[in-house]
N, C-alpha and C. Protein backbone atom coordinates (compact mmCIF):
# COMPACT_ATOMS: atom_id res chain seq x y z
N MET A 1 -18.20 -6.20 32.03
CA MET A 1 -18.60 -7.57 32.37
C MET A 1 -17.53 -8.52 31.85
N THR A 2 -17.16 -9.49 32.65
CA THR A 2 -16.14 -10.45 32.26
C THR A 2 -16.78 -11.70 31.70
N LYS A 3 -16.33 -12.10 30.53
CA LYS A 3 -16.86 -13.32 29.93
C LYS A 3 -16.23 -14.53 30.62
N THR A 4 -17.03 -15.54 30.91
CA THR A 4 -16.51 -16.73 31.55
C THR A 4 -16.75 -17.94 30.69
N LEU A 5 -15.85 -18.89 30.76
CA LEU A 5 -16.00 -20.17 30.09
C LEU A 5 -16.00 -21.24 31.16
N GLY A 6 -16.63 -22.33 30.87
CA GLY A 6 -16.72 -23.37 31.87
C GLY A 6 -15.80 -24.53 31.59
N GLY A 7 -15.27 -25.13 32.64
CA GLY A 7 -14.55 -26.39 32.59
C GLY A 7 -13.44 -26.44 31.57
N GLU A 8 -13.53 -27.44 30.69
CA GLU A 8 -12.49 -27.70 29.70
C GLU A 8 -12.32 -26.53 28.74
N GLU A 9 -13.41 -25.82 28.40
CA GLU A 9 -13.32 -24.68 27.49
C GLU A 9 -12.42 -23.60 28.05
N ALA A 10 -12.54 -23.32 29.35
CA ALA A 10 -11.73 -22.28 29.98
C ALA A 10 -10.25 -22.66 29.94
N VAL A 11 -9.95 -23.92 30.23
CA VAL A 11 -8.56 -24.37 30.20
C VAL A 11 -7.99 -24.25 28.80
N THR A 12 -8.79 -24.63 27.78
CA THR A 12 -8.33 -24.56 26.40
C THR A 12 -8.05 -23.13 25.98
N ALA A 13 -8.97 -22.20 26.30
CA ALA A 13 -8.80 -20.81 25.90
C ALA A 13 -7.57 -20.19 26.53
N MET A 14 -7.29 -20.54 27.79
CA MET A 14 -6.18 -19.92 28.49
C MET A 14 -4.82 -20.43 28.03
N ARG A 15 -4.79 -21.46 27.20
CA ARG A 15 -3.52 -21.96 26.69
C ARG A 15 -2.89 -20.98 25.71
N TRP A 16 -3.70 -20.10 25.13
CA TRP A 16 -3.23 -19.21 24.07
C TRP A 16 -3.39 -17.75 24.48
N THR A 17 -2.57 -16.91 23.91
CA THR A 17 -2.68 -15.47 24.13
C THR A 17 -3.17 -14.80 22.85
N GLN A 18 -3.54 -13.53 22.94
CA GLN A 18 -3.94 -12.81 21.73
C GLN A 18 -2.79 -12.73 20.75
N GLU A 19 -1.57 -12.60 21.26
CA GLU A 19 -0.40 -12.56 20.37
C GLU A 19 -0.27 -13.87 19.60
N ASP A 20 -0.55 -15.00 20.26
CA ASP A 20 -0.52 -16.29 19.57
C ASP A 20 -1.56 -16.33 18.44
N VAL A 21 -2.74 -15.82 18.73
CA VAL A 21 -3.82 -15.83 17.75
C VAL A 21 -3.46 -14.97 16.54
N ILE A 22 -2.92 -13.78 16.78
CA ILE A 22 -2.57 -12.88 15.67
C ILE A 22 -1.41 -13.45 14.86
N GLU A 23 -0.45 -14.06 15.53
CA GLU A 23 0.66 -14.69 14.81
C GLU A 23 0.13 -15.81 13.91
N ALA A 24 -0.79 -16.61 14.43
CA ALA A 24 -1.39 -17.67 13.62
C ALA A 24 -2.21 -17.09 12.48
N ALA A 25 -2.83 -15.94 12.71
CA ALA A 25 -3.62 -15.29 11.65
C ALA A 25 -2.72 -14.86 10.50
N PHE A 26 -1.55 -14.31 10.81
CA PHE A 26 -0.63 -13.92 9.74
C PHE A 26 -0.08 -15.14 9.00
N THR A 27 0.17 -16.21 9.73
CA THR A 27 0.61 -17.45 9.08
C THR A 27 -0.46 -17.95 8.12
N THR A 28 -1.71 -17.89 8.55
CA THR A 28 -2.83 -18.30 7.70
C THR A 28 -2.97 -17.38 6.50
N LEU A 29 -2.80 -16.09 6.72
CA LEU A 29 -2.89 -15.12 5.62
C LEU A 29 -1.84 -15.41 4.56
N GLU A 30 -0.61 -15.68 4.98
CA GLU A 30 0.46 -15.96 4.02
C GLU A 30 0.16 -17.22 3.21
N ALA A 31 -0.46 -18.20 3.85
CA ALA A 31 -0.71 -19.47 3.19
C ALA A 31 -1.95 -19.45 2.30
N GLU A 32 -2.99 -18.72 2.71
CA GLU A 32 -4.28 -18.83 2.04
C GLU A 32 -4.79 -17.54 1.42
N GLY A 33 -4.23 -16.39 1.81
CA GLY A 33 -4.70 -15.12 1.27
C GLY A 33 -5.88 -14.57 2.06
N LEU A 34 -6.18 -13.30 1.81
CA LEU A 34 -7.20 -12.61 2.58
C LEU A 34 -8.59 -13.18 2.36
N GLU A 35 -8.90 -13.58 1.13
CA GLU A 35 -10.24 -14.07 0.83
C GLU A 35 -10.60 -15.30 1.66
N LYS A 36 -9.62 -16.16 1.91
CA LYS A 36 -9.89 -17.41 2.62
C LYS A 36 -9.59 -17.31 4.12
N LEU A 37 -9.16 -16.16 4.56
CA LEU A 37 -8.87 -15.99 5.99
C LEU A 37 -10.16 -16.11 6.79
N SER A 38 -10.13 -16.93 7.84
CA SER A 38 -11.31 -17.12 8.68
C SER A 38 -10.87 -17.46 10.09
N LEU A 39 -11.77 -17.27 11.04
CA LEU A 39 -11.47 -17.64 12.42
C LEU A 39 -11.21 -19.14 12.53
N ARG A 40 -11.97 -19.91 11.79
CA ARG A 40 -11.79 -21.36 11.83
C ARG A 40 -10.43 -21.76 11.27
N GLY A 41 -10.01 -21.07 10.20
CA GLY A 41 -8.70 -21.36 9.63
C GLY A 41 -7.57 -20.98 10.57
N VAL A 42 -7.74 -19.86 11.28
CA VAL A 42 -6.73 -19.45 12.26
C VAL A 42 -6.65 -20.48 13.39
N ALA A 43 -7.80 -20.95 13.83
CA ALA A 43 -7.82 -21.98 14.88
C ALA A 43 -7.11 -23.24 14.41
N ARG A 44 -7.32 -23.60 13.16
CA ARG A 44 -6.66 -24.78 12.61
C ARG A 44 -5.14 -24.58 12.58
N THR A 45 -4.69 -23.41 12.16
CA THR A 45 -3.26 -23.11 12.15
C THR A 45 -2.68 -23.15 13.56
N LEU A 46 -3.45 -22.63 14.51
CA LEU A 46 -3.00 -22.57 15.90
C LEU A 46 -3.04 -23.94 16.57
N GLY A 47 -3.82 -24.86 16.00
CA GLY A 47 -4.01 -26.15 16.64
C GLY A 47 -4.90 -26.05 17.86
N ALA A 48 -5.90 -25.15 17.75
CA ALA A 48 -6.76 -24.86 18.89
C ALA A 48 -8.22 -25.01 18.48
N HIS A 49 -9.10 -24.98 19.48
CA HIS A 49 -10.53 -24.94 19.21
C HIS A 49 -10.93 -23.54 18.74
N LEU A 50 -12.02 -23.46 18.01
CA LEU A 50 -12.50 -22.17 17.52
C LEU A 50 -12.75 -21.19 18.66
N ASN A 51 -13.25 -21.69 19.80
CA ASN A 51 -13.56 -20.77 20.90
C ASN A 51 -12.30 -20.13 21.48
N SER A 52 -11.13 -20.76 21.29
CA SER A 52 -9.88 -20.16 21.76
C SER A 52 -9.54 -18.92 20.95
N VAL A 53 -9.92 -18.92 19.66
CA VAL A 53 -9.70 -17.76 18.80
C VAL A 53 -10.77 -16.70 19.04
N SER A 54 -12.04 -17.13 19.07
CA SER A 54 -13.14 -16.17 19.22
C SER A 54 -13.17 -15.54 20.61
N TRP A 55 -12.45 -16.10 21.56
CA TRP A 55 -12.31 -15.46 22.87
C TRP A 55 -11.64 -14.10 22.72
N TYR A 56 -10.69 -13.99 21.77
CA TYR A 56 -9.93 -12.76 21.58
C TYR A 56 -10.46 -11.91 20.43
N VAL A 57 -10.93 -12.55 19.36
CA VAL A 57 -11.47 -11.82 18.21
C VAL A 57 -12.81 -12.45 17.85
N LYS A 58 -13.86 -11.66 17.93
CA LYS A 58 -15.22 -12.21 17.81
C LYS A 58 -15.64 -12.46 16.37
N THR A 59 -15.12 -11.65 15.44
CA THR A 59 -15.54 -11.75 14.04
C THR A 59 -14.32 -11.64 13.13
N LYS A 60 -14.52 -11.99 11.86
CA LYS A 60 -13.43 -11.85 10.90
C LYS A 60 -13.02 -10.39 10.76
N GLN A 61 -13.99 -9.47 10.78
CA GLN A 61 -13.65 -8.05 10.65
C GLN A 61 -12.81 -7.58 11.82
N THR A 62 -13.14 -8.03 13.02
CA THR A 62 -12.33 -7.68 14.19
C THR A 62 -10.92 -8.23 14.05
N LEU A 63 -10.82 -9.44 13.53
CA LEU A 63 -9.51 -10.05 13.29
C LEU A 63 -8.70 -9.21 12.31
N ILE A 64 -9.34 -8.82 11.20
CA ILE A 64 -8.66 -8.03 10.18
C ILE A 64 -8.21 -6.68 10.74
N GLU A 65 -9.07 -6.05 11.53
CA GLU A 65 -8.71 -4.75 12.12
C GLU A 65 -7.53 -4.89 13.07
N THR A 66 -7.50 -5.97 13.83
CA THR A 66 -6.38 -6.20 14.75
C THR A 66 -5.10 -6.46 13.98
N MET A 67 -5.20 -7.22 12.89
CA MET A 67 -4.03 -7.48 12.05
C MET A 67 -3.53 -6.20 11.39
N ALA A 68 -4.47 -5.37 10.91
CA ALA A 68 -4.09 -4.10 10.29
C ALA A 68 -3.36 -3.21 11.29
N ASP A 69 -3.87 -3.17 12.51
CA ASP A 69 -3.23 -2.37 13.55
C ASP A 69 -1.83 -2.90 13.84
N THR A 70 -1.67 -4.21 13.79
CA THR A 70 -0.35 -4.81 14.00
C THR A 70 0.61 -4.40 12.90
N ILE A 71 0.13 -4.40 11.66
CA ILE A 71 0.98 -4.00 10.53
C ILE A 71 1.40 -2.54 10.67
N VAL A 72 0.43 -1.66 10.93
CA VAL A 72 0.75 -0.24 11.07
C VAL A 72 1.66 -0.01 12.28
N GLY A 73 1.53 -0.88 13.27
CA GLY A 73 2.37 -0.76 14.46
C GLY A 73 3.84 -0.98 14.19
N THR A 74 4.17 -1.62 13.06
CA THR A 74 5.58 -1.85 12.72
C THR A 74 6.20 -0.66 11.99
N VAL A 75 5.39 0.35 11.65
CA VAL A 75 5.91 1.52 10.95
C VAL A 75 6.64 2.41 11.95
N ARG A 76 7.93 2.52 11.78
CA ARG A 76 8.73 3.33 12.70
C ARG A 76 8.55 4.82 12.40
N THR A 77 8.45 5.60 13.46
CA THR A 77 8.37 7.06 13.31
C THR A 77 9.53 7.73 14.04
N ASP A 78 10.60 6.96 14.26
CA ASP A 78 11.80 7.52 14.88
C ASP A 78 12.91 7.56 13.84
N ASP A 79 14.06 8.08 14.24
CA ASP A 79 15.24 8.14 13.37
C ASP A 79 14.90 8.80 12.04
N LEU A 80 14.31 9.99 12.12
CA LEU A 80 13.88 10.72 10.93
C LEU A 80 14.73 11.98 10.75
N PRO A 81 14.88 12.46 9.51
CA PRO A 81 15.69 13.66 9.27
C PRO A 81 14.99 14.92 9.75
N ALA A 82 15.75 15.99 9.83
CA ALA A 82 15.20 17.27 10.29
C ALA A 82 14.26 17.88 9.26
N ASP A 83 14.54 17.67 7.98
CA ASP A 83 13.71 18.26 6.93
C ASP A 83 12.32 17.63 6.94
N PRO A 84 11.26 18.43 7.09
CA PRO A 84 9.91 17.86 7.23
C PRO A 84 9.42 17.12 5.99
N VAL A 85 9.77 17.60 4.81
CA VAL A 85 9.34 16.92 3.58
C VAL A 85 9.97 15.54 3.49
N GLU A 86 11.25 15.45 3.84
CA GLU A 86 11.91 14.15 3.81
C GLU A 86 11.34 13.22 4.88
N ARG A 87 10.91 13.78 6.00
CA ARG A 87 10.29 12.96 7.04
C ARG A 87 9.03 12.29 6.50
N VAL A 88 8.21 13.07 5.80
CA VAL A 88 6.98 12.51 5.22
C VAL A 88 7.32 11.43 4.20
N ARG A 89 8.30 11.70 3.36
CA ARG A 89 8.68 10.74 2.32
C ARG A 89 9.12 9.41 2.95
N ILE A 90 9.90 9.49 4.01
CA ILE A 90 10.42 8.28 4.64
C ILE A 90 9.31 7.51 5.35
N VAL A 91 8.46 8.21 6.09
CA VAL A 91 7.38 7.53 6.81
C VAL A 91 6.40 6.88 5.82
N ALA A 92 6.09 7.57 4.73
CA ALA A 92 5.21 7.00 3.71
C ALA A 92 5.84 5.74 3.12
N GLY A 93 7.14 5.77 2.89
CA GLY A 93 7.82 4.59 2.37
C GLY A 93 7.79 3.44 3.36
N ARG A 94 7.95 3.73 4.63
CA ARG A 94 7.89 2.68 5.65
C ARG A 94 6.48 2.10 5.76
N TYR A 95 5.49 2.95 5.61
CA TYR A 95 4.09 2.51 5.63
C TYR A 95 3.83 1.52 4.50
N ARG A 96 4.30 1.86 3.32
CA ARG A 96 4.14 0.96 2.16
C ARG A 96 4.86 -0.36 2.38
N LEU A 97 6.10 -0.30 2.85
CA LEU A 97 6.88 -1.52 3.05
C LEU A 97 6.27 -2.41 4.13
N ALA A 98 5.65 -1.80 5.14
CA ALA A 98 4.99 -2.59 6.19
C ALA A 98 3.85 -3.41 5.60
N MET A 99 3.10 -2.82 4.68
CA MET A 99 2.01 -3.56 4.03
C MET A 99 2.55 -4.61 3.08
N LEU A 100 3.61 -4.28 2.35
CA LEU A 100 4.18 -5.23 1.39
C LEU A 100 4.80 -6.44 2.07
N ALA A 101 5.09 -6.32 3.35
CA ALA A 101 5.71 -7.42 4.08
C ALA A 101 4.76 -8.60 4.29
N HIS A 102 3.47 -8.39 3.98
CA HIS A 102 2.47 -9.44 4.19
C HIS A 102 1.63 -9.64 2.94
N ARG A 103 1.33 -10.87 2.64
CA ARG A 103 0.45 -11.16 1.51
C ARG A 103 -0.88 -10.42 1.69
N ASP A 104 -1.32 -9.75 0.64
CA ASP A 104 -2.57 -8.98 0.66
C ASP A 104 -2.57 -7.90 1.74
N GLY A 105 -1.37 -7.44 2.13
CA GLY A 105 -1.29 -6.44 3.19
C GLY A 105 -1.98 -5.13 2.85
N GLY A 106 -1.90 -4.73 1.58
CA GLY A 106 -2.55 -3.49 1.16
C GLY A 106 -4.06 -3.57 1.29
N ARG A 107 -4.64 -4.66 0.80
CA ARG A 107 -6.10 -4.82 0.89
C ARG A 107 -6.54 -4.96 2.34
N LEU A 108 -5.74 -5.63 3.14
CA LEU A 108 -6.10 -5.83 4.54
C LEU A 108 -6.18 -4.49 5.27
N VAL A 109 -5.16 -3.66 5.10
CA VAL A 109 -5.15 -2.37 5.79
C VAL A 109 -6.21 -1.44 5.20
N ALA A 110 -6.40 -1.48 3.88
CA ALA A 110 -7.37 -0.59 3.23
C ALA A 110 -8.79 -0.85 3.69
N GLY A 111 -9.08 -2.07 4.10
CA GLY A 111 -10.44 -2.41 4.48
C GLY A 111 -10.78 -2.13 5.92
N THR A 112 -9.95 -1.34 6.60
CA THR A 112 -10.18 -1.11 8.03
C THR A 112 -10.17 0.38 8.35
N HIS A 113 -10.80 0.69 9.46
CA HIS A 113 -10.77 2.05 10.02
C HIS A 113 -10.55 1.88 11.52
N THR A 114 -9.32 1.54 11.87
CA THR A 114 -9.06 1.15 13.26
C THR A 114 -9.08 2.32 14.22
N GLY A 115 -8.54 3.48 13.81
CA GLY A 115 -8.53 4.63 14.70
C GLY A 115 -7.79 4.35 16.00
N THR A 116 -6.72 3.58 15.92
CA THR A 116 -5.97 3.21 17.12
C THR A 116 -4.75 4.11 17.30
N GLY A 117 -4.05 3.87 18.40
CA GLY A 117 -2.84 4.64 18.67
C GLY A 117 -1.80 4.49 17.58
N ASN A 118 -1.69 3.30 16.98
CA ASN A 118 -0.70 3.10 15.93
C ASN A 118 -1.03 3.94 14.70
N THR A 119 -2.29 3.93 14.30
CA THR A 119 -2.71 4.74 13.15
C THR A 119 -2.51 6.22 13.43
N PHE A 120 -2.90 6.65 14.62
CA PHE A 120 -2.75 8.06 14.98
C PHE A 120 -1.28 8.47 15.06
N ARG A 121 -0.43 7.56 15.53
CA ARG A 121 1.00 7.87 15.65
C ARG A 121 1.60 8.16 14.28
N VAL A 122 1.27 7.33 13.29
CA VAL A 122 1.79 7.54 11.94
C VAL A 122 1.20 8.81 11.34
N ALA A 123 -0.11 8.99 11.50
CA ALA A 123 -0.76 10.19 10.95
C ALA A 123 -0.23 11.46 11.62
N GLU A 124 0.00 11.40 12.92
CA GLU A 124 0.54 12.55 13.64
C GLU A 124 1.90 12.96 13.09
N THR A 125 2.73 11.97 12.79
CA THR A 125 4.06 12.26 12.26
C THR A 125 3.97 12.93 10.89
N ILE A 126 3.09 12.40 10.03
CA ILE A 126 2.94 12.96 8.69
C ILE A 126 2.34 14.36 8.74
N VAL A 127 1.24 14.51 9.46
CA VAL A 127 0.57 15.82 9.51
C VAL A 127 1.47 16.86 10.18
N GLY A 128 2.14 16.47 11.26
CA GLY A 128 3.03 17.41 11.93
C GLY A 128 4.13 17.91 11.01
N ALA A 129 4.68 17.01 10.20
CA ALA A 129 5.73 17.41 9.27
C ALA A 129 5.18 18.30 8.17
N LEU A 130 3.98 18.01 7.69
CA LEU A 130 3.37 18.84 6.65
C LEU A 130 3.08 20.25 7.16
N LEU A 131 2.59 20.35 8.39
CA LEU A 131 2.36 21.67 8.98
C LEU A 131 3.68 22.43 9.12
N GLU A 132 4.71 21.71 9.55
CA GLU A 132 6.02 22.34 9.70
C GLU A 132 6.56 22.81 8.35
N ALA A 133 6.20 22.08 7.29
CA ALA A 133 6.66 22.45 5.95
C ALA A 133 5.91 23.64 5.38
N GLY A 134 4.88 24.12 6.09
CA GLY A 134 4.19 25.33 5.66
C GLY A 134 2.80 25.13 5.09
N HIS A 135 2.29 23.91 5.11
CA HIS A 135 0.94 23.67 4.61
C HIS A 135 -0.09 24.22 5.59
N THR A 136 -1.22 24.64 5.07
CA THR A 136 -2.31 25.05 5.94
C THR A 136 -2.88 23.82 6.65
N GLU A 137 -3.70 24.06 7.64
CA GLU A 137 -4.30 22.93 8.36
C GLU A 137 -5.13 22.05 7.42
N ALA A 138 -5.96 22.70 6.60
CA ALA A 138 -6.77 21.93 5.64
C ALA A 138 -5.88 21.25 4.61
N GLY A 139 -4.87 21.96 4.15
CA GLY A 139 -3.97 21.38 3.15
C GLY A 139 -3.20 20.19 3.69
N ALA A 140 -2.75 20.28 4.94
CA ALA A 140 -2.02 19.17 5.55
C ALA A 140 -2.91 17.95 5.70
N ALA A 141 -4.16 18.18 6.10
CA ALA A 141 -5.10 17.06 6.27
C ALA A 141 -5.37 16.38 4.93
N ARG A 142 -5.63 17.18 3.90
CA ARG A 142 -5.95 16.60 2.59
C ARG A 142 -4.74 15.89 1.99
N LEU A 143 -3.56 16.47 2.17
CA LEU A 143 -2.36 15.85 1.62
C LEU A 143 -2.04 14.56 2.36
N CYS A 144 -2.29 14.52 3.65
CA CYS A 144 -2.10 13.28 4.41
C CYS A 144 -2.99 12.18 3.84
N TRP A 145 -4.27 12.50 3.60
CA TRP A 145 -5.17 11.51 3.00
C TRP A 145 -4.69 11.10 1.62
N ALA A 146 -4.23 12.05 0.82
CA ALA A 146 -3.76 11.73 -0.53
C ALA A 146 -2.58 10.76 -0.47
N ILE A 147 -1.67 10.98 0.46
CA ILE A 147 -0.50 10.10 0.61
C ILE A 147 -0.94 8.70 1.04
N VAL A 148 -1.87 8.64 2.00
CA VAL A 148 -2.35 7.35 2.47
C VAL A 148 -3.06 6.59 1.35
N TYR A 149 -3.96 7.28 0.63
CA TYR A 149 -4.71 6.62 -0.44
C TYR A 149 -3.78 6.17 -1.57
N PHE A 150 -2.82 7.01 -1.92
CA PHE A 150 -1.86 6.64 -2.96
C PHE A 150 -1.06 5.41 -2.54
N SER A 151 -0.60 5.39 -1.30
CA SER A 151 0.19 4.26 -0.80
C SER A 151 -0.64 2.98 -0.78
N LEU A 152 -1.88 3.09 -0.30
CA LEU A 152 -2.75 1.92 -0.26
C LEU A 152 -3.04 1.39 -1.66
N GLY A 153 -3.38 2.29 -2.57
CA GLY A 153 -3.73 1.87 -3.92
C GLY A 153 -2.57 1.23 -4.66
N LEU A 154 -1.40 1.84 -4.58
CA LEU A 154 -0.24 1.29 -5.28
C LEU A 154 0.17 -0.05 -4.69
N THR A 155 0.08 -0.17 -3.36
CA THR A 155 0.43 -1.44 -2.72
C THR A 155 -0.51 -2.55 -3.17
N GLN A 156 -1.80 -2.26 -3.22
CA GLN A 156 -2.75 -3.27 -3.69
C GLN A 156 -2.48 -3.66 -5.13
N GLU A 157 -2.16 -2.67 -5.96
CA GLU A 157 -1.84 -2.96 -7.36
C GLU A 157 -0.61 -3.86 -7.46
N GLN A 158 0.40 -3.56 -6.65
CA GLN A 158 1.63 -4.35 -6.68
C GLN A 158 1.39 -5.78 -6.22
N GLN A 159 0.45 -5.97 -5.31
CA GLN A 159 0.20 -7.30 -4.77
C GLN A 159 -0.85 -8.08 -5.56
N THR A 160 -1.28 -7.51 -6.68
CA THR A 160 -2.25 -8.19 -7.55
C THR A 160 -1.53 -8.75 -8.77
N PRO A 161 -1.67 -10.04 -9.07
CA PRO A 161 -1.02 -10.60 -10.27
C PRO A 161 -1.39 -9.81 -11.51
N ALA A 162 -0.38 -9.41 -12.29
CA ALA A 162 -0.63 -8.48 -13.39
C ALA A 162 -0.37 -9.06 -14.77
N ALA A 163 0.00 -10.32 -14.87
CA ALA A 163 0.36 -10.88 -16.17
C ALA A 163 -0.79 -10.78 -17.16
N ALA A 164 -1.99 -11.16 -16.73
CA ALA A 164 -3.14 -11.14 -17.63
C ALA A 164 -3.48 -9.72 -18.06
N SER A 165 -3.46 -8.77 -17.11
CA SER A 165 -3.81 -7.39 -17.46
C SER A 165 -2.78 -6.79 -18.41
N ALA A 166 -1.51 -7.16 -18.26
CA ALA A 166 -0.47 -6.65 -19.16
C ALA A 166 -0.70 -7.17 -20.58
N ARG A 167 -1.07 -8.44 -20.70
CA ARG A 167 -1.36 -9.00 -22.03
C ARG A 167 -2.56 -8.32 -22.66
N GLU A 168 -3.60 -8.09 -21.87
CA GLU A 168 -4.79 -7.43 -22.37
C GLU A 168 -4.48 -6.00 -22.80
N PHE A 169 -3.63 -5.32 -22.02
CA PHE A 169 -3.23 -3.96 -22.35
C PHE A 169 -2.52 -3.94 -23.71
N GLY A 170 -1.59 -4.88 -23.90
CA GLY A 170 -0.87 -4.95 -25.17
C GLY A 170 -1.80 -5.22 -26.34
N ARG A 171 -2.77 -6.10 -26.14
CA ARG A 171 -3.71 -6.43 -27.21
C ARG A 171 -4.54 -5.21 -27.60
N LEU A 172 -4.97 -4.43 -26.62
CA LEU A 172 -5.77 -3.25 -26.90
C LEU A 172 -4.95 -2.19 -27.64
N LEU A 173 -3.68 -2.04 -27.28
CA LEU A 173 -2.84 -1.06 -27.96
C LEU A 173 -2.64 -1.42 -29.43
N GLU A 174 -2.58 -2.71 -29.71
CA GLU A 174 -2.38 -3.16 -31.08
C GLU A 174 -3.55 -2.82 -31.99
N THR A 175 -4.70 -2.51 -31.43
CA THR A 175 -5.86 -2.17 -32.25
C THR A 175 -5.72 -0.78 -32.87
N GLY A 176 -4.82 0.05 -32.34
CA GLY A 176 -4.64 1.40 -32.85
C GLY A 176 -5.65 2.39 -32.33
N ALA A 177 -6.51 1.96 -31.43
CA ALA A 177 -7.58 2.84 -30.93
C ALA A 177 -7.09 3.78 -29.83
N TYR A 178 -5.89 3.54 -29.31
CA TYR A 178 -5.39 4.34 -28.19
C TYR A 178 -3.98 4.84 -28.48
N PRO A 179 -3.83 5.79 -29.41
CA PRO A 179 -2.49 6.21 -29.84
C PRO A 179 -1.66 6.86 -28.74
N ALA A 180 -2.29 7.63 -27.86
CA ALA A 180 -1.53 8.27 -26.78
C ALA A 180 -0.96 7.22 -25.83
N LEU A 181 -1.79 6.25 -25.47
CA LEU A 181 -1.32 5.18 -24.59
C LEU A 181 -0.24 4.34 -25.26
N ALA A 182 -0.36 4.17 -26.57
CA ALA A 182 0.65 3.40 -27.30
C ALA A 182 2.02 4.06 -27.21
N LYS A 183 2.04 5.40 -27.19
CA LYS A 183 3.31 6.12 -27.11
C LYS A 183 4.01 5.91 -25.78
N VAL A 184 3.23 5.78 -24.72
CA VAL A 184 3.83 5.66 -23.38
C VAL A 184 3.65 4.26 -22.80
N GLY A 185 3.21 3.33 -23.64
CA GLY A 185 2.87 1.99 -23.15
C GLY A 185 4.00 1.30 -22.42
N GLU A 186 5.22 1.44 -22.93
CA GLU A 186 6.36 0.77 -22.28
C GLU A 186 6.56 1.30 -20.87
N HIS A 187 6.39 2.61 -20.69
CA HIS A 187 6.57 3.21 -19.37
C HIS A 187 5.43 2.83 -18.44
N LEU A 188 4.23 2.69 -19.00
CA LEU A 188 3.08 2.36 -18.17
C LEU A 188 3.15 0.93 -17.63
N MET A 189 3.57 0.00 -18.47
CA MET A 189 3.43 -1.41 -18.11
C MET A 189 4.74 -2.19 -18.00
N ILE A 190 5.86 -1.63 -18.48
CA ILE A 190 7.08 -2.44 -18.54
C ILE A 190 8.25 -1.78 -17.81
N ALA A 191 8.61 -0.56 -18.23
CA ALA A 191 9.87 0.03 -17.79
C ALA A 191 9.87 0.40 -16.31
N ASP A 192 8.79 0.99 -15.83
CA ASP A 192 8.75 1.47 -14.45
C ASP A 192 8.55 0.33 -13.46
N SER A 193 9.35 0.35 -12.40
CA SER A 193 9.11 -0.56 -11.29
C SER A 193 8.10 0.09 -10.34
N PHE A 194 7.54 -0.70 -9.44
CA PHE A 194 6.62 -0.13 -8.46
C PHE A 194 7.36 0.82 -7.52
N ASP A 195 8.61 0.53 -7.24
CA ASP A 195 9.40 1.45 -6.41
C ASP A 195 9.53 2.80 -7.10
N ALA A 196 9.80 2.77 -8.41
CA ALA A 196 9.94 4.02 -9.16
C ALA A 196 8.62 4.78 -9.20
N ARG A 197 7.52 4.06 -9.36
CA ARG A 197 6.21 4.71 -9.38
C ARG A 197 5.91 5.35 -8.03
N PHE A 198 6.26 4.65 -6.97
CA PHE A 198 6.01 5.21 -5.64
C PHE A 198 6.84 6.46 -5.41
N ASP A 199 8.13 6.39 -5.72
CA ASP A 199 9.01 7.54 -5.51
C ASP A 199 8.53 8.74 -6.33
N HIS A 200 8.12 8.49 -7.57
CA HIS A 200 7.65 9.58 -8.42
C HIS A 200 6.35 10.17 -7.87
N GLY A 201 5.42 9.29 -7.50
CA GLY A 201 4.12 9.77 -7.01
C GLY A 201 4.24 10.56 -5.73
N ILE A 202 5.01 10.05 -4.78
CA ILE A 202 5.20 10.77 -3.52
C ILE A 202 5.90 12.10 -3.77
N GLY A 203 6.88 12.07 -4.67
CA GLY A 203 7.59 13.30 -5.00
C GLY A 203 6.66 14.36 -5.57
N ARG A 204 5.77 13.94 -6.46
CA ARG A 204 4.82 14.89 -7.05
C ARG A 204 3.84 15.42 -6.01
N LEU A 205 3.38 14.56 -5.14
CA LEU A 205 2.45 15.00 -4.10
C LEU A 205 3.11 16.02 -3.17
N LEU A 206 4.34 15.75 -2.79
CA LEU A 206 5.01 16.64 -1.85
C LEU A 206 5.51 17.92 -2.50
N ALA A 207 5.66 17.87 -3.83
CA ALA A 207 6.08 19.08 -4.54
C ALA A 207 4.95 20.09 -4.66
N GLY A 208 3.73 19.63 -4.39
CA GLY A 208 2.57 20.53 -4.45
C GLY A 208 2.10 20.77 -5.85
């Protein structure tokens, strides 16, 4: 069934495309963050009526899922090395960078289950490489999930302001109640970059 709008509403809606709406949504996300993202805010950014946005995306969740699919759609699965383990490492890195390219990108993608061609394309590349590397079918599936969850979690952590948590961590260590953490505290909270944590984590996952 085709939805119809009458008179001035139809003219207003047809001024914009879905690509315009999603572009405005990302502009709104960068300015206001995921918590404040709304259809009304996107319409305001677009300079359009709310019905021009809701014509393409009916709810905030639909908007978020479309944005997540757009982010995953930027993950390239071409120009990869012959070695299957390196292919997984590179695609996982591209997946992380695609999320980091947008404010709250990790939380946005983590909150969706789009099941679209873009998601399947990335998963197909990872699982295919894992199978080629000798993993069992069950092992490849579980390792794919582990890589996705690790990438999502670390990205969200990186995109969360950490100054307060670092101060709290230091205060707790000073109590002497956590001697093991005190020994590695610098590595946990100071010395390691998020890039180093990602490289180490992916390396450990792929090493089996």
